Amino acid sequence: MGVRPRWPELESPPPSRGGRTGPDPWPALPDDRALWAAPEPSEAHEQRARWLDGEQAGG
């Protein structure tokens, strides 16, 4: 095997814009934060979590 590169050599420079100075040609992405938010726990979930906590505590 060849010589492994050291850490700084693994980093790549940021991508260039190809010399463009105008606005970004791509449309803005939609706000998808709601897709990545954790759902609110339901009552059944809370009961199951309490049961699992009791099991782990040995009870």
C-alpha atoms as a PDB file:
ATOM      1  CA  MET A   1       0.000   0.000   0.000  1.00  0.00           C
ATOM      2  CA  GLY A   2       1.088   3.549  -0.583  1.00  0.00           C
ATOM      3  CA  VAL A   3       1.772   6.213   1.969  1.00  0.00           C
ATOM      4  CA  ARG A   4      -1.385   7.434   3.677  1.00  0.00           C
ATOM      5  CA  PRO A   5      -1.895  11.195   3.427  1.00  0.00           C
ATOM      6  CA  ARG A   6      -1.668  13.209   6.601  1.00  0.00           C
ATOM      7  CA  TRP A   7      -4.753  14.983   7.959  1.00  0.00           C
ATOM      8  CA  PRO A   8      -4.237  18.450   6.367  1.00  0.00           C
ATOM      9  CA  GLU A   9      -3.778  16.798   2.973  1.00  0.00           C
ATOM     10  CA  LEU A  10      -7.209  15.179   3.271  1.00  0.00           C
ATOM     11  CA  GLU A  11      -8.972  18.533   3.406  1.00  0.00           C
ATOM     12  CA  SER A  12     -10.117  19.877   0.084  1.00  0.00           C
ATOM     13  CA  PRO A  13     -10.518  23.548  -0.762  1.00  0.00           C
ATOM     14  CA  PRO A  14     -14.063  24.922  -0.865  1.00  0.00           C
ATOM     15  CA  PRO A  15     -15.749  24.495  -4.244  1.00  0.00           C
ATOM     16  CA  SER A  16     -15.406  27.450  -6.532  1.00  0.00           C
ATOM     17  CA  ARG A  17     -18.325  29.180  -8.176  1.00  0.00           C
ATOM     18  CA  GLY A  18     -16.658  28.746 -11.551  1.00  0.00           C
ATOM     19  CA  GLY A  19     -15.936  32.444 -11.885  1.00  0.00           C
ATOM     20  CA  ARG A  20     -19.608  33.416 -11.586  1.00  0.00           C
ATOM     21  CA  THR A  21     -20.244  36.688  -9.845  1.00  0.00           C
ATOM     22  CA  GLY A  22     -23.988  36.930 -10.448  1.00  0.00           C
ATOM     23  CA  PRO A  23     -26.840  35.470  -8.433  1.00  0.00           C
ATOM     24  CA  ASP A  24     -27.051  31.753  -7.774  1.00  0.00           C
ATOM     25  CA  PRO A  25     -28.773  30.053 -10.750  1.00  0.00           C
ATOM     26  CA  TRP A  26     -30.484  27.473  -8.528  1.00  0.00           C
ATOM     27  CA  PRO A  27     -33.792  28.257  -6.807  1.00  0.00           C
ATOM     28  CA  ALA A  28     -33.846  28.533  -3.032  1.00  0.00           C
ATOM     29  CA  LEU A  29     -34.547  25.258  -1.261  1.00  0.00           C
ATOM     30  CA  PRO A  30     -37.787  24.941   0.719  1.00  0.00           C
ATOM     31  CA  ASP A  31     -37.673  25.059   4.501  1.00  0.00           C
ATOM     32  CA  ASP A  32     -37.583  21.388   5.539  1.00  0.00           C
ATOM     33  CA  ARG A  33     -36.894  21.826   9.260  1.00  0.00           C
ATOM     34  CA  ALA A  34     -40.281  20.276  10.118  1.00  0.00           C
ATOM     35  CA  LEU A  35     -39.220  17.049   8.399  1.00  0.00           C
ATOM     36  CA  TRP A  36     -36.226  16.747  10.695  1.00  0.00           C
ATOM     37  CA  ALA A  37     -37.958  17.721  13.948  1.00  0.00           C
ATOM     38  CA  ALA A  38     -38.687  14.983  16.450  1.00  0.00           C
ATOM     39  CA  PRO A  39     -42.411  14.348  16.870  1.00  0.00           C
ATOM     40  CA  GLU A  40     -44.123  15.098  20.147  1.00  0.00           C
ATOM     41  CA  PRO A  41     -44.347  11.933  22.260  1.00  0.00           C
ATOM     42  CA  SER A  42     -47.769  10.359  22.480  1.00  0.00           C
ATOM     43  CA  GLU A  43     -49.313   8.992  25.676  1.00  0.00           C
ATOM     44  CA  ALA A  44     -48.654   5.412  24.532  1.00  0.00           C
ATOM     45  CA  HIS A  45     -45.016   6.287  23.908  1.00  0.00           C
ATOM     46  CA  GLU A  46     -44.682   7.805  27.383  1.00  0.00           C
ATOM     47  CA  GLN A  47     -46.234   4.693  28.992  1.00  0.00           C
ATOM     48  CA  ARG A  48     -43.836   2.443  27.079  1.00  0.00           C
ATOM     49  CA  ALA A  49     -40.874   4.645  28.072  1.00  0.00           C
ATOM     50  CA  ARG A  50     -41.888   4.444  31.757  1.00  0.00           C
ATOM     51  CA  TRP A  51     -42.189   0.653  31.471  1.00  0.00           C
ATOM     52  CA  LEU A  52     -38.737   0.405  29.857  1.00  0.00           C
ATOM     53  CA  ASP A  53     -37.265   2.659  32.553  1.00  0.00           C
ATOM     54  CA  GLY A  54     -38.713   0.310  35.177  1.00  0.00           C
ATOM     55  CA  GLU A  55     -37.310  -2.736  33.381  1.00  0.00           C
ATOM     56  CA  GLN A  56     -33.849  -1.187  33.242  1.00  0.00           C
ATOM     57  CA  ALA A  57     -34.063  -0.260  36.926  1.00  0.00           C
ATOM     58  CA  GLY A  58     -34.763  -3.904  37.743  1.00  0.00           C
ATOM     59  CA  GLY A  59     -38.378  -3.463  38.703  1.00  0.00           C
END
